Amino acid sequence: MRYTPEDTLAFVVKTITDLGKAIIAVGFASYFFERLALGWRVGFGILGILLIIAGFIIYPRTGGDT
């Protein structure tokens, strides 16, 4: 099976979006938040949101379902 650029892009989009969701889920865990400095907490939240947004921006270019 040969992979096309669309298949590769769809895989990257899915991975980026899943990573963003995982970072946000970890960020909402109260134990994790108690032990980190405020800068790290805010940084992880922003990073997770940016990764999810990047997935939505790249997704329309794939032209199909992922």
N, C-alpha and C. Protein backbone atom coordinates (compact mmCIF):
# COMPACT_ATOMS: atom_id res chain seq x y z
N MET A 1 0.84 -1.18 0.00
CA MET A 1 0.00 0.00 0.00
C MET A 1 0.89 1.24 0.00
N ARG A 2 0.63 2.12 -0.91
CA ARG A 2 1.41 3.34 -1.01
C ARG A 2 0.69 4.46 -0.28
N TYR A 3 1.48 5.25 0.39
CA TYR A 3 0.92 6.39 1.11
C TYR A 3 1.02 7.64 0.26
N THR A 4 -0.06 8.36 0.18
CA THR A 4 -0.08 9.61 -0.56
C THR A 4 0.18 10.75 0.40
N PRO A 5 0.50 11.92 -0.11
CA PRO A 5 0.68 13.08 0.78
C PRO A 5 -0.57 13.38 1.60
N GLU A 6 -1.76 13.08 1.05
CA GLU A 6 -2.99 13.32 1.79
C GLU A 6 -3.09 12.40 2.99
N ASP A 7 -2.66 11.13 2.81
CA ASP A 7 -2.67 10.18 3.92
C ASP A 7 -1.70 10.63 5.02
N THR A 8 -0.54 11.08 4.61
CA THR A 8 0.45 11.54 5.57
C THR A 8 -0.06 12.77 6.31
N LEU A 9 -0.65 13.70 5.60
CA LEU A 9 -1.18 14.91 6.23
C LEU A 9 -2.32 14.57 7.18
N ALA A 10 -3.18 13.64 6.80
CA ALA A 10 -4.28 13.23 7.68
C ALA A 10 -3.73 12.61 8.96
N PHE A 11 -2.67 11.82 8.85
CA PHE A 11 -2.06 11.22 10.03
C PHE A 11 -1.47 12.29 10.94
N VAL A 12 -0.79 13.26 10.36
CA VAL A 12 -0.19 14.34 11.15
C VAL A 12 -1.27 15.15 11.85
N VAL A 13 -2.35 15.45 11.16
CA VAL A 13 -3.45 16.22 11.76
C VAL A 13 -4.05 15.46 12.93
N LYS A 14 -4.29 14.17 12.75
CA LYS A 14 -4.87 13.37 13.83
C LYS A 14 -3.93 13.32 15.02
N THR A 15 -2.64 13.16 14.78
CA THR A 15 -1.67 13.10 15.86
C THR A 15 -1.58 14.42 16.61
N ILE A 16 -1.55 15.53 15.88
CA ILE A 16 -1.47 16.85 16.51
C ILE A 16 -2.71 17.11 17.36
N THR A 17 -3.87 16.79 16.83
CA THR A 17 -5.12 17.03 17.57
C THR A 17 -5.19 16.15 18.80
N ASP A 18 -4.80 14.88 18.67
CA ASP A 18 -4.81 13.98 19.83
C ASP A 18 -3.82 14.43 20.89
N LEU A 19 -2.67 14.92 20.47
CA LEU A 19 -1.69 15.42 21.42
C LEU A 19 -2.24 16.64 22.16
N GLY A 20 -2.89 17.52 21.45
CA GLY A 20 -3.49 18.69 22.09
C GLY A 20 -4.54 18.31 23.11
N LYS A 21 -5.39 17.33 22.76
CA LYS A 21 -6.41 16.87 23.71
C LYS A 21 -5.78 16.22 24.93
N ALA A 22 -4.71 15.47 24.73
CA ALA A 22 -4.04 14.82 25.86
C ALA A 22 -3.41 15.85 26.79
N ILE A 23 -2.80 16.89 26.23
CA ILE A 23 -2.19 17.93 27.05
C ILE A 23 -3.25 18.66 27.86
N ILE A 24 -4.38 18.95 27.27
CA ILE A 24 -5.46 19.62 28.00
C ILE A 24 -6.00 18.71 29.10
N ALA A 25 -6.15 17.42 28.82
CA ALA A 25 -6.65 16.48 29.83
C ALA A 25 -5.70 16.41 31.02
N VAL A 26 -4.42 16.36 30.75
CA VAL A 26 -3.44 16.35 31.83
C VAL A 26 -3.47 17.66 32.59
N GLY A 27 -3.65 18.75 31.87
CA GLY A 27 -3.69 20.05 32.51
C GLY A 27 -4.86 20.21 33.46
N PHE A 28 -6.00 19.56 33.17
CA PHE A 28 -7.16 19.66 34.03
C PHE A 28 -7.08 18.77 35.26
N ALA A 29 -6.13 17.86 35.29
CA ALA A 29 -5.99 16.99 36.46
C ALA A 29 -5.53 17.83 37.65
N SER A 30 -6.30 17.81 38.71
CA SER A 30 -6.02 18.71 39.83
C SER A 30 -4.70 18.40 40.51
N TYR A 31 -4.33 17.14 40.61
CA TYR A 31 -3.07 16.80 41.25
C TYR A 31 -1.90 17.38 40.48
N PHE A 32 -1.97 17.28 39.18
CA PHE A 32 -0.91 17.80 38.33
C PHE A 32 -0.79 19.31 38.49
N PHE A 33 -1.94 19.99 38.57
CA PHE A 33 -1.92 21.44 38.72
C PHE A 33 -1.39 21.88 40.07
N GLU A 34 -1.60 21.12 41.11
CA GLU A 34 -1.15 21.51 42.44
C GLU A 34 0.37 21.58 42.53
N ARG A 35 1.04 20.74 41.82
CA ARG A 35 2.50 20.61 41.95
C ARG A 35 3.31 21.49 40.99
N LEU A 36 2.67 22.07 40.01
CA LEU A 36 3.40 22.86 39.02
C LEU A 36 3.30 24.35 39.31
N ALA A 37 4.31 25.06 38.85
CA ALA A 37 4.29 26.52 38.95
C ALA A 37 3.24 27.08 38.00
N LEU A 38 2.78 28.28 38.27
CA LEU A 38 1.72 28.90 37.47
C LEU A 38 2.12 29.01 36.00
N GLY A 39 3.35 29.36 35.73
CA GLY A 39 3.81 29.50 34.34
C GLY A 39 3.68 28.21 33.55
N TRP A 40 4.03 27.08 34.16
CA TRP A 40 3.90 25.79 33.48
C TRP A 40 2.43 25.45 33.25
N ARG A 41 1.57 25.72 34.22
CA ARG A 41 0.15 25.42 34.07
C ARG A 41 -0.44 26.20 32.90
N VAL A 42 -0.15 27.48 32.85
CA VAL A 42 -0.67 28.32 31.76
C VAL A 42 -0.07 27.88 30.43
N GLY A 43 1.21 27.57 30.43
CA GLY A 43 1.89 27.15 29.21
C GLY A 43 1.32 25.87 28.63
N PHE A 44 1.05 24.88 29.49
CA PHE A 44 0.46 23.63 29.01
C PHE A 44 -0.94 23.85 28.47
N GLY A 45 -1.71 24.69 29.11
CA GLY A 45 -3.06 24.99 28.61
C GLY A 45 -3.03 25.65 27.25
N ILE A 46 -2.15 26.64 27.09
CA ILE A 46 -2.03 27.34 25.81
C ILE A 46 -1.51 26.39 24.72
N LEU A 47 -0.53 25.55 25.06
CA LEU A 47 0.01 24.61 24.09
C LEU A 47 -1.06 23.62 23.62
N GLY A 48 -1.85 23.11 24.54
CA GLY A 48 -2.91 22.18 24.16
C GLY A 48 -3.92 22.82 23.23
N ILE A 49 -4.33 24.04 23.55
CA ILE A 49 -5.30 24.75 22.72
C ILE A 49 -4.72 25.04 21.34
N LEU A 50 -3.45 25.45 21.29
CA LEU A 50 -2.83 25.73 19.99
C LEU A 50 -2.72 24.48 19.12
N LEU A 51 -2.42 23.34 19.73
CA LEU A 51 -2.32 22.11 18.95
C LEU A 51 -3.68 21.70 18.39
N ILE A 52 -4.73 21.86 19.17
CA ILE A 52 -6.07 21.54 18.66
C ILE A 52 -6.45 22.49 17.53
N ILE A 53 -6.17 23.77 17.69
CA ILE A 53 -6.47 24.74 16.63
C ILE A 53 -5.67 24.42 15.36
N ALA A 54 -4.40 24.03 15.53
CA ALA A 54 -3.58 23.67 14.37
C ALA A 54 -4.18 22.48 13.64
N GLY A 55 -4.72 21.52 14.38
CA GLY A 55 -5.38 20.37 13.74
C GLY A 55 -6.58 20.79 12.92
N PHE A 56 -7.37 21.74 13.44
CA PHE A 56 -8.54 22.22 12.70
C PHE A 56 -8.14 23.05 11.48
N ILE A 57 -7.02 23.75 11.56
CA ILE A 57 -6.57 24.56 10.42
C ILE A 57 -6.04 23.66 9.31
N ILE A 58 -5.29 22.62 9.67
CA ILE A 58 -4.70 21.73 8.68
C ILE A 58 -5.75 20.78 8.11
N TYR A 59 -6.76 20.40 8.89
CA TYR A 59 -7.73 19.38 8.48
C TYR A 59 -8.43 19.68 7.16
N PRO A 60 -8.91 20.90 6.90
CA PRO A 60 -9.60 21.14 5.62
C PRO A 60 -8.74 20.86 4.39
N ARG A 61 -7.44 20.89 4.54
CA ARG A 61 -6.57 20.64 3.41
C ARG A 61 -6.52 19.17 3.02
N THR A 62 -6.94 18.27 3.92
CA THR A 62 -6.86 16.84 3.62
C THR A 62 -7.93 16.40 2.64
N GLY A 63 -9.09 17.05 2.66
CA GLY A 63 -10.15 16.73 1.72
C GLY A 63 -10.90 15.46 2.04
N GLY A 64 -10.81 14.97 3.28
CA GLY A 64 -11.54 13.76 3.63
C GLY A 64 -11.56 13.54 5.12
N ASP A 65 -12.10 12.40 5.51
CA ASP A 65 -12.18 12.06 6.92
C ASP A 65 -10.86 11.48 7.38
N THR A 66 -10.55 11.73 8.67
CA THR A 66 -9.34 11.14 9.25
C THR A 66 -9.72 10.03 10.16
